[in-house]
Amino acid sequence: ITVSGFQVINGAQTVYSVYKSYKEAKPRDRRIMNN
């Protein structure tokens, strides 16, 4: 969906943790994360 003015106000550490984990994951692990 499209949203405007999206601003994370609580959970920024979670957003970064997810980003970092996904970025560093192997393709197989990314598929597991996706599912």
PDB file of all heavy atoms in Angstrom:
ATOM      1  N   ILE A   1       0.866  -1.177   0.000  1.00  0.00           N
ATOM      2  CA  ILE A   1       0.000   0.000   0.000  1.00  0.00           C
ATOM      3  C   ILE A   1       0.903   1.227   0.000  1.00  0.00           C
ATOM      4  O   ILE A   1       2.086   1.137   0.335  1.00  0.00           O
ATOM      5  CB  ILE A   1      -0.961   0.048   1.211  1.00  0.00           C
ATOM      6  CG1 ILE A   1      -0.177   0.124   2.527  1.00  0.00           C
ATOM      7  CG2 ILE A   1      -1.915  -1.131   1.214  1.00  0.00           C
ATOM      8  CD1 ILE A   1      -1.030   0.451   3.730  1.00  0.00           C
ATOM      9  N   THR A   2       0.346   2.372  -0.347  1.00  0.00           N
ATOM     10  CA  THR A   2       1.091   3.619  -0.340  1.00  0.00           C
ATOM     11  C   THR A   2       0.627   4.467   0.836  1.00  0.00           C
ATOM     12  O   THR A   2      -0.572   4.657   1.020  1.00  0.00           O
ATOM     13  CB  THR A   2       0.861   4.392  -1.658  1.00  0.00           C
ATOM     14  OG1 THR A   2       1.307   3.574  -2.741  1.00  0.00           O
ATOM     15  CG2 THR A   2       1.628   5.693  -1.661  1.00  0.00           C
ATOM     16  N   VAL A   3       1.587   4.923   1.627  1.00  0.00           N
ATOM     17  CA  VAL A   3       1.290   5.826   2.737  1.00  0.00           C
ATOM     18  C   VAL A   3       2.122   7.085   2.546  1.00  0.00           C
ATOM     19  O   VAL A   3       3.157   7.055   1.880  1.00  0.00           O
ATOM     20  CB  VAL A   3       1.582   5.195   4.118  1.00  0.00           C
ATOM     21  CG1 VAL A   3       0.707   3.993   4.367  1.00  0.00           C
ATOM     22  CG2 VAL A   3       3.033   4.831   4.265  1.00  0.00           C
ATOM     23  N   SER A   4       1.675   8.182   3.133  1.00  0.00           N
ATOM     24  CA  SER A   4       2.416   9.441   3.050  1.00  0.00           C
ATOM     25  C   SER A   4       2.864   9.855   4.434  1.00  0.00           C
ATOM     26  O   SER A   4       2.139   9.652   5.413  1.00  0.00           O
ATOM     27  CB  SER A   4       1.524  10.544   2.465  1.00  0.00           C
ATOM     28  OG  SER A   4       1.119  10.211   1.174  1.00  0.00           O
ATOM     29  N   GLY A   5       4.027  10.457   4.529  1.00  0.00           N
ATOM     30  CA  GLY A   5       4.508  10.978   5.800  1.00  0.00           C
ATOM     31  C   GLY A   5       4.803   9.914   6.836  1.00  0.00           C
ATOM     32  O   GLY A   5       4.642  10.149   8.024  1.00  0.00           O
ATOM     33  N   PHE A   6       5.240   8.731   6.414  1.00  0.00           N
ATOM     34  CA  PHE A   6       5.535   7.619   7.314  1.00  0.00           C
ATOM     35  C   PHE A   6       6.702   7.988   8.220  1.00  0.00           C
ATOM     36  O   PHE A   6       7.773   8.366   7.752  1.00  0.00           O
ATOM     37  CB  PHE A   6       5.877   6.382   6.478  1.00  0.00           C
ATOM     38  CG  PHE A   6       6.077   5.125   7.269  1.00  0.00           C
ATOM     39  CD1 PHE A   6       5.010   4.280   7.512  1.00  0.00           C
ATOM     40  CD2 PHE A   6       7.316   4.782   7.761  1.00  0.00           C
ATOM     41  CE1 PHE A   6       5.180   3.099   8.230  1.00  0.00           C
ATOM     42  CE2 PHE A   6       7.507   3.607   8.479  1.00  0.00           C
ATOM     43  CZ  PHE A   6       6.429   2.773   8.721  1.00  0.00           C
ATOM     44  N   GLN A   7       6.496   7.894   9.545  1.00  0.00           N
ATOM     45  CA  GLN A   7       7.541   8.222  10.500  1.00  0.00           C
ATOM     46  C   GLN A   7       7.523   7.216  11.646  1.00  0.00           C
ATOM     47  O   GLN A   7       6.528   7.100  12.355  1.00  0.00           O
ATOM     48  CB  GLN A   7       7.324   9.628  11.051  1.00  0.00           C
ATOM     49  CG  GLN A   7       8.352  10.056  12.049  1.00  0.00           C
ATOM     50  CD  GLN A   7       8.061  11.437  12.623  1.00  0.00           C
ATOM     51  OE1 GLN A   7       7.016  12.015  12.410  1.00  0.00           O
ATOM     52  NE2 GLN A   7       9.009  11.963  13.363  1.00  0.00           N
ATOM     53  N   VAL A   8       8.625   6.483  11.821  1.00  0.00           N
ATOM     54  CA  VAL A   8       8.753   5.547  12.937  1.00  0.00           C
ATOM     55  C   VAL A   8       8.968   6.368  14.205  1.00  0.00           C
ATOM     56  O   VAL A   8       9.890   7.183  14.273  1.00  0.00           O
ATOM     57  CB  VAL A   8       9.928   4.568  12.727  1.00  0.00           C
ATOM     58  CG1 VAL A   8      10.141   3.708  13.967  1.00  0.00           C
ATOM     59  CG2 VAL A   8       9.676   3.692  11.513  1.00  0.00           C
ATOM     60  N   ILE A   9       8.097   6.153  15.207  1.00  0.00           N
ATOM     61  CA  ILE A   9       8.236   6.893  16.457  1.00  0.00           C
ATOM     62  C   ILE A   9       8.649   5.994  17.613  1.00  0.00           C
ATOM     63  O   ILE A   9       9.048   6.471  18.668  1.00  0.00           O
ATOM     64  CB  ILE A   9       6.952   7.661  16.821  1.00  0.00           C
ATOM     65  CG1 ILE A   9       5.782   6.708  16.998  1.00  0.00           C
ATOM     66  CG2 ILE A   9       6.674   8.740  15.789  1.00  0.00           C
ATOM     67  CD1 ILE A   9       4.576   7.328  17.663  1.00  0.00           C
ATOM     68  N   ASN A  10       8.535   4.686  17.435  1.00  0.00           N
ATOM     69  CA  ASN A  10       8.988   3.736  18.440  1.00  0.00           C
ATOM     70  C   ASN A  10       9.345   2.451  17.714  1.00  0.00           C
ATOM     71  O   ASN A  10       8.552   1.926  16.956  1.00  0.00           O
ATOM     72  CB  ASN A  10       7.897   3.476  19.477  1.00  0.00           C
ATOM     73  CG  ASN A  10       8.395   2.601  20.610  1.00  0.00           C
ATOM     74  OD1 ASN A  10       8.423   1.382  20.475  1.00  0.00           O
ATOM     75  ND2 ASN A  10       8.794   3.209  21.706  1.00  0.00           N
ATOM     76  N   GLY A  11      10.555   1.981  17.935  1.00  0.00           N
ATOM     77  CA  GLY A  11      10.985   0.754  17.283  1.00  0.00           C
ATOM     78  C   GLY A  11      12.112   0.965  16.295  1.00  0.00           C
ATOM     79  O   GLY A  11      12.394   0.098  15.477  1.00  0.00           O
ATOM     80  N   ALA A  12      12.783   2.098  16.377  1.00  0.00           N
ATOM     81  CA  ALA A  12      13.883   2.364  15.444  1.00  0.00           C
ATOM     82  C   ALA A  12      14.997   1.328  15.589  1.00  0.00           C
ATOM     83  O   ALA A  12      15.603   0.922  14.598  1.00  0.00           O
ATOM     84  CB  ALA A  12      14.433   3.772  15.644  1.00  0.00           C
ATOM     85  N   GLN A  13      15.266   0.881  16.818  1.00  0.00           N
ATOM     86  CA  GLN A  13      16.280  -0.147  17.017  1.00  0.00           C
ATOM     87  C   GLN A  13      15.861  -1.448  16.340  1.00  0.00           C
ATOM     88  O   GLN A  13      16.680  -2.160  15.763  1.00  0.00           O
ATOM     89  CB  GLN A  13      16.525  -0.386  18.507  1.00  0.00           C
ATOM     90  CG  GLN A  13      17.229   0.775  19.173  1.00  0.00           C
ATOM     91  CD  GLN A  13      17.342   0.580  20.671  1.00  0.00           C
ATOM     92  OE1 GLN A  13      16.468  -0.006  21.296  1.00  0.00           O
ATOM     93  NE2 GLN A  13      18.416   1.088  21.241  1.00  0.00           N
ATOM     94  N   THR A  14      14.572  -1.749  16.393  1.00  0.00           N
ATOM     95  CA  THR A  14      14.053  -2.948  15.728  1.00  0.00           C
ATOM     96  C   THR A  14      14.225  -2.828  14.221  1.00  0.00           C
ATOM     97  O   THR A  14      14.660  -3.774  13.561  1.00  0.00           O
ATOM     98  CB  THR A  14      12.569  -3.158  16.083  1.00  0.00           C
ATOM     99  OG1 THR A  14      12.463  -3.345  17.494  1.00  0.00           O
ATOM    100  CG2 THR A  14      11.984  -4.338  15.345  1.00  0.00           C
ATOM    101  N   VAL A  15      13.887  -1.675  13.667  1.00  0.00           N
ATOM    102  CA  VAL A  15      14.039  -1.458  12.224  1.00  0.00           C
ATOM    103  C   VAL A  15      15.491  -1.681  11.818  1.00  0.00           C
ATOM    104  O   VAL A  15      15.773  -2.379  10.841  1.00  0.00           O
ATOM    105  CB  VAL A  15      13.577  -0.037  11.823  1.00  0.00           C
ATOM    106  CG1 VAL A  15      13.943   0.273  10.379  1.00  0.00           C
ATOM    107  CG2 VAL A  15      12.088   0.126  12.043  1.00  0.00           C
ATOM    108  N   TYR A  16      16.430  -1.132  12.587  1.00  0.00           N
ATOM    109  CA  TYR A  16      17.841  -1.291  12.254  1.00  0.00           C
ATOM    110  C   TYR A  16      18.284  -2.749  12.397  1.00  0.00           C
ATOM    111  O   TYR A  16      19.015  -3.259  11.555  1.00  0.00           O
ATOM    112  CB  TYR A  16      18.722  -0.376  13.106  1.00  0.00           C
ATOM    113  CG  TYR A  16      20.182  -0.520  12.749  1.00  0.00           C
ATOM    114  CD1 TYR A  16      20.668   0.005  11.554  1.00  0.00           C
ATOM    115  CD2 TYR A  16      21.059  -1.214  13.564  1.00  0.00           C
ATOM    116  CE1 TYR A  16      21.994  -0.144  11.193  1.00  0.00           C
ATOM    117  CE2 TYR A  16      22.384  -1.367  13.219  1.00  0.00           C
ATOM    118  CZ  TYR A  16      22.848  -0.829  12.035  1.00  0.00           C
ATOM    119  OH  TYR A  16      24.160  -0.991  11.671  1.00  0.00           O
ATOM    120  N   SER A  17      17.823  -3.417  13.444  1.00  0.00           N
ATOM    121  CA  SER A  17      18.193  -4.820  13.649  1.00  0.00           C
ATOM    122  C   SER A  17      17.711  -5.694  12.498  1.00  0.00           C
ATOM    123  O   SER A  17      18.438  -6.566  12.017  1.00  0.00           O
ATOM    124  CB  SER A  17      17.616  -5.348  14.958  1.00  0.00           C
ATOM    125  OG  SER A  17      18.202  -4.706  16.049  1.00  0.00           O
ATOM    126  N   VAL A  18      16.482  -5.471  12.061  1.00  0.00           N
ATOM    127  CA  VAL A  18      15.937  -6.238  10.943  1.00  0.00           C
ATOM    128  C   VAL A  18      16.735  -5.948   9.680  1.00  0.00           C
ATOM    129  O   VAL A  18      17.127  -6.856   8.947  1.00  0.00           O
ATOM    130  CB  VAL A  18      14.442  -5.926  10.735  1.00  0.00           C
ATOM    131  CG1 VAL A  18      13.927  -6.505   9.431  1.00  0.00           C
ATOM    132  CG2 VAL A  18      13.627  -6.440  11.917  1.00  0.00           C
ATOM    133  N   TYR A  19      16.992  -4.673   9.420  1.00  0.00           N
ATOM    134  CA  TYR A  19      17.766  -4.282   8.242  1.00  0.00           C
ATOM    135  C   TYR A  19      19.149  -4.947   8.241  1.00  0.00           C
ATOM    136  O   TYR A  19      19.563  -5.547   7.251  1.00  0.00           O
ATOM    137  CB  TYR A  19      17.914  -2.756   8.192  1.00  0.00           C
ATOM    138  CG  TYR A  19      19.017  -2.286   7.293  1.00  0.00           C
ATOM    139  CD1 TYR A  19      18.850  -2.274   5.903  1.00  0.00           C
ATOM    140  CD2 TYR A  19      20.232  -1.863   7.812  1.00  0.00           C
ATOM    141  CE1 TYR A  19      19.879  -1.856   5.075  1.00  0.00           C
ATOM    142  CE2 TYR A  19      21.260  -1.446   6.989  1.00  0.00           C
ATOM    143  CZ  TYR A  19      21.076  -1.440   5.624  1.00  0.00           C
ATOM    144  OH  TYR A  19      22.093  -1.026   4.800  1.00  0.00           O
ATOM    145  N   LYS A  20      19.851  -4.839   9.376  1.00  0.00           N
ATOM    146  CA  LYS A  20      21.211  -5.382   9.462  1.00  0.00           C
ATOM    147  C   LYS A  20      21.206  -6.905   9.320  1.00  0.00           C
ATOM    148  O   LYS A  20      22.026  -7.464   8.602  1.00  0.00           O
ATOM    149  CB  LYS A  20      21.834  -4.976  10.797  1.00  0.00           C
ATOM    150  CG  LYS A  20      23.276  -5.366  10.919  1.00  0.00           C
ATOM    151  CD  LYS A  20      23.870  -4.868  12.212  1.00  0.00           C
ATOM    152  CE  LYS A  20      25.307  -5.355  12.299  1.00  0.00           C
ATOM    153  NZ  LYS A  20      25.845  -5.229  13.631  1.00  0.00           N
ATOM    154  N   SER A  21      20.273  -7.570   9.993  1.00  0.00           N
ATOM    155  CA  SER A  21      20.194  -9.034   9.902  1.00  0.00           C
ATOM    156  C   SER A  21      19.914  -9.484   8.477  1.00  0.00           C
ATOM    157  O   SER A  21      20.514 -10.426   7.978  1.00  0.00           O
ATOM    158  CB  SER A  21      19.098  -9.563  10.825  1.00  0.00           C
ATOM    159  OG  SER A  21      19.417  -9.295  12.153  1.00  0.00           O
ATOM    160  N   TYR A  22      18.990  -8.810   7.825  1.00  0.00           N
ATOM    161  CA  TYR A  22      18.613  -9.182   6.461  1.00  0.00           C
ATOM    162  C   TYR A  22      19.764  -8.919   5.494  1.00  0.00           C
ATOM    163  O   TYR A  22      20.062  -9.730   4.622  1.00  0.00           O
ATOM    164  CB  TYR A  22      17.361  -8.414   6.041  1.00  0.00           C
ATOM    165  CG  TYR A  22      16.639  -9.030   4.869  1.00  0.00           C
ATOM    166  CD1 TYR A  22      15.793 -10.112   5.054  1.00  0.00           C
ATOM    167  CD2 TYR A  22      16.801  -8.532   3.594  1.00  0.00           C
ATOM    168  CE1 TYR A  22      15.124 -10.684   3.992  1.00  0.00           C
ATOM    169  CE2 TYR A  22      16.138  -9.095   2.525  1.00  0.00           C
ATOM    170  CZ  TYR A  22      15.302 -10.166   2.718  1.00  0.00           C
ATOM    171  OH  TYR A  22      14.644 -10.739   1.665  1.00  0.00           O
ATOM    172  N   LYS A  23      20.413  -7.783   5.673  1.00  0.00           N
ATOM    173  CA  LYS A  23      21.529  -7.418   4.797  1.00  0.00           C
ATOM    174  C   LYS A  23      22.670  -8.431   4.888  1.00  0.00           C
ATOM    175  O   LYS A  23      23.292  -8.773   3.885  1.00  0.00           O
ATOM    176  CB  LYS A  23      22.031  -6.023   5.167  1.00  0.00           C
ATOM    177  CG  LYS A  23      23.187  -5.534   4.338  1.00  0.00           C
ATOM    178  CD  LYS A  23      23.622  -4.167   4.808  1.00  0.00           C
ATOM    179  CE  LYS A  23      24.900  -3.748   4.106  1.00  0.00           C
ATOM    180  NZ  LYS A  23      25.461  -2.540   4.663  1.00  0.00           N
ATOM    181  N   GLU A  24      22.932  -8.926   6.097  1.00  0.00           N
ATOM    182  CA  GLU A  24      24.057  -9.834   6.316  1.00  0.00           C
ATOM    183  C   GLU A  24      23.691 -11.304   6.104  1.00  0.00           C
ATOM    184  O   GLU A  24      24.574 -12.158   6.110  1.00  0.00           O
ATOM    185  CB  GLU A  24      24.600  -9.630   7.735  1.00  0.00           C
ATOM    186  CG  GLU A  24      25.205  -8.256   7.934  1.00  0.00           C
ATOM    187  CD  GLU A  24      25.596  -7.962   9.368  1.00  0.00           C
ATOM    188  OE1 GLU A  24      25.374  -8.827  10.245  1.00  0.00           O
ATOM    189  OE2 GLU A  24      26.113  -6.852   9.619  1.00  0.00           O
ATOM    190  N   ALA A  25      22.416 -11.599   5.909  1.00  0.00           N
ATOM    191  CA  ALA A  25      21.972 -12.993   5.789  1.00  0.00           C
ATOM    192  C   ALA A  25      22.319 -13.580   4.423  1.00  0.00           C
ATOM    193  O   ALA A  25      22.350 -12.871   3.409  1.00  0.00           O
ATOM    194  CB  ALA A  25      20.473 -13.085   6.024  1.00  0.00           C
ATOM    195  N   LYS A  26      22.537 -14.878   4.421  1.00  0.00           N
ATOM    196  CA  LYS A  26      22.735 -15.610   3.175  1.00  0.00           C
ATOM    197  C   LYS A  26      21.373 -15.750   2.486  1.00  0.00           C
ATOM    198  O   LYS A  26      20.324 -15.664   3.142  1.00  0.00           O
ATOM    199  CB  LYS A  26      23.319 -16.985   3.475  1.00  0.00           C
ATOM    200  CG  LYS A  26      24.698 -16.910   4.074  1.00  0.00           C
ATOM    201  CD  LYS A  26      25.207 -18.267   4.453  1.00  0.00           C
ATOM    202  CE  LYS A  26      26.603 -18.099   5.052  1.00  0.00           C
ATOM    203  NZ  LYS A  26      27.027 -19.224   5.825  1.00  0.00           N
ATOM    204  N   PRO A  27      21.357 -15.972   1.169  1.00  0.00           N
ATOM    205  CA  PRO A  27      20.082 -16.101   0.442  1.00  0.00           C
ATOM    206  C   PRO A  27      19.122 -17.112   1.075  1.00  0.00           C
ATOM    207  O   PRO A  27      17.918 -16.851   1.176  1.00  0.00           O
ATOM    208  CB  PRO A  27      20.503 -16.513  -0.965  1.00  0.00           C
ATOM    209  CG  PRO A  27      21.871 -15.927  -1.119  1.00  0.00           C
ATOM    210  CD  PRO A  27      22.499 -16.029   0.255  1.00  0.00           C
ATOM    211  N   ARG A  28      19.644 -18.245   1.519  1.00  0.00           N
ATOM    212  CA  ARG A  28      18.787 -19.265   2.144  1.00  0.00           C
ATOM    213  C   ARG A  28      18.130 -18.713   3.414  1.00  0.00           C
ATOM    214  O   ARG A  28      16.948 -18.897   3.654  1.00  0.00           O
ATOM    215  CB  ARG A  28      19.612 -20.505   2.478  1.00  0.00           C
ATOM    216  CG  ARG A  28      18.833 -21.585   3.188  1.00  0.00           C
ATOM    217  CD  ARG A  28      19.767 -22.723   3.659  1.00  0.00           C
ATOM    218  NE  ARG A  28      19.102 -23.610   4.567  1.00  0.00           N
ATOM    219  CZ  ARG A  28      18.923 -23.387   5.875  1.00  0.00           C
ATOM    220  NH1 ARG A  28      19.369 -22.284   6.422  1.00  0.00           N
ATOM    221  NH2 ARG A  28      18.301 -24.263   6.627  1.00  0.00           N
ATOM    222  N   ASP A  29      18.913 -18.008   4.229  1.00  0.00           N
ATOM    223  CA  ASP A  29      18.389 -17.436   5.466  1.00  0.00           C
ATOM    224  C   ASP A  29      17.383 -16.316   5.184  1.00  0.00           C
ATOM    225  O   ASP A  29      16.418 -16.139   5.924  1.00  0.00           O
ATOM    226  CB  ASP A  29      19.521 -16.930   6.353  1.00  0.00           C
ATOM    227  CG  ASP A  29      20.386 -18.068   6.884  1.00  0.00           C
ATOM    228  OD1 ASP A  29      19.853 -19.191   7.047  1.00  0.00           O
ATOM    229  OD2 ASP A  29      21.581 -17.838   7.132  1.00  0.00           O
ATOM    230  N   ARG A  30      17.606 -15.562   4.119  1.00  0.00           N
ATOM    231  CA  ARG A  30      16.639 -14.522   3.741  1.00  0.00           C
ATOM    232  C   ARG A  30      15.296 -15.142   3.372  1.00  0.00           C
ATOM    233  O   ARG A  30      14.246 -14.609   3.709  1.00  0.00           O
ATOM    234  CB  ARG A  30      17.168 -13.701   2.561  1.00  0.00           C
ATOM    235  CG  ARG A  30      18.229 -12.721   2.947  1.00  0.00           C
ATOM    236  CD  ARG A  30      18.592 -11.843   1.773  1.00  0.00           C
ATOM    237  NE  ARG A  30      19.618 -10.906   2.162  1.00  0.00           N
ATOM    238  CZ  ARG A  30      20.044  -9.932   1.376  1.00  0.00           C
ATOM    239  NH1 ARG A  30      19.538  -9.782   0.165  1.00  0.00           N
ATOM    240  NH2 ARG A  30      20.982  -9.113   1.794  1.00  0.00           N
ATOM    241  N   ARG A  31      15.338 -16.273   2.670  1.00  0.00           N
ATOM    242  CA  ARG A  31      14.072 -16.948   2.333  1.00  0.00           C
ATOM    243  C   ARG A  31      13.333 -17.379   3.590  1.00  0.00           C
ATOM    244  O   ARG A  31      12.127 -17.246   3.685  1.00  0.00           O
ATOM    245  CB  ARG A  31      14.333 -18.142   1.413  1.00  0.00           C
ATOM    246  CG  ARG A  31      14.653 -17.747  -0.028  1.00  0.00           C
ATOM    247  CD  ARG A  31      14.650 -18.934  -0.969  1.00  0.00           C
ATOM    248  NE  ARG A  31      15.653 -19.949  -0.654  1.00  0.00           N
ATOM    249  CZ  ARG A  31      16.937 -19.882  -1.029  1.00  0.00           C
ATOM    250  NH1 ARG A  31      17.368 -18.865  -1.735  1.00  0.00           N
ATOM    251  NH2 ARG A  31      17.771 -20.842  -0.702  1.00  0.00           N
ATOM    252  N   ILE A  32      14.083 -17.877   4.574  1.00  0.00           N
ATOM    253  CA  ILE A  32      13.461 -18.269   5.844  1.00  0.00           C
ATOM    254  C   ILE A  32      12.867 -17.032   6.532  1.00  0.00           C
ATOM    255  O   ILE A  32      11.738 -17.075   7.024  1.00  0.00           O
ATOM    256  CB  ILE A  32      14.489 -18.974   6.757  1.00  0.00           C
ATOM    257  CG1 ILE A  32      14.884 -20.323   6.146  1.00  0.00           C
ATOM    258  CG2 ILE A  32      13.921 -19.164   8.162  1.00  0.00           C
ATOM    259  CD1 ILE A  32      16.059 -20.986   6.839  1.00  0.00           C
ATOM    260  N   MET A  33      13.617 -15.943   6.562  1.00  0.00           N
ATOM    261  CA  MET A  33      13.118 -14.707   7.169  1.00  0.00           C
ATOM    262  C   MET A  33      11.840 -14.243   6.468  1.00  0.00           C
ATOM    263  O   MET A  33      10.874 -13.845   7.127  1.00  0.00           O
ATOM    264  CB  MET A  33      14.166 -13.602   7.091  1.00  0.00           C
ATOM    265  CG  MET A  33      15.345 -13.786   7.971  1.00  0.00           C
ATOM    266  SD  MET A  33      16.518 -12.433   7.667  1.00  0.00           S
ATOM    267  CE  MET A  33      17.847 -12.901   8.736  1.00  0.00           C
ATOM    268  N   ASN A  34      11.849 -14.289   5.150  1.00  0.00           N
ATOM    269  CA  ASN A  34      10.683 -13.851   4.385  1.00  0.00           C
ATOM    270  C   ASN A  34       9.438 -14.657   4.739  1.00  0.00           C
ATOM    271  O   ASN A  34       8.327 -14.125   4.746  1.00  0.00           O
ATOM    272  CB  ASN A  34      10.940 -13.972   2.885  1.00  0.00           C
ATOM    273  CG  ASN A  34      11.953 -12.968   2.385  1.00  0.00           C
ATOM    274  OD1 ASN A  34      12.239 -11.976   3.033  1.00  0.00           O
ATOM    275  ND2 ASN A  34      12.513 -13.249   1.224  1.00  0.00           N
ATOM    276  N   ASN A  35       9.611 -15.942   5.016  1.00  0.00           N
ATOM    277  CA  ASN A  35       8.476 -16.815   5.276  1.00  0.00           C
ATOM    278  C   ASN A  35       8.105 -16.943   6.748  1.00  0.00           C
ATOM    279  O   ASN A  35       6.956 -17.246   7.064  1.00  0.00           O
ATOM    280  CB  ASN A  35       8.750 -18.219   4.711  1.00  0.00           C
ATOM    281  CG  ASN A  35       8.798 -18.217   3.203  1.00  0.00           C
ATOM    282  OD1 ASN A  35       8.051 -17.511   2.556  1.00  0.00           O
ATOM    283  ND2 ASN A  35       9.695 -19.000   2.644  1.00  0.00           N
TER     284      ASN A  35
END
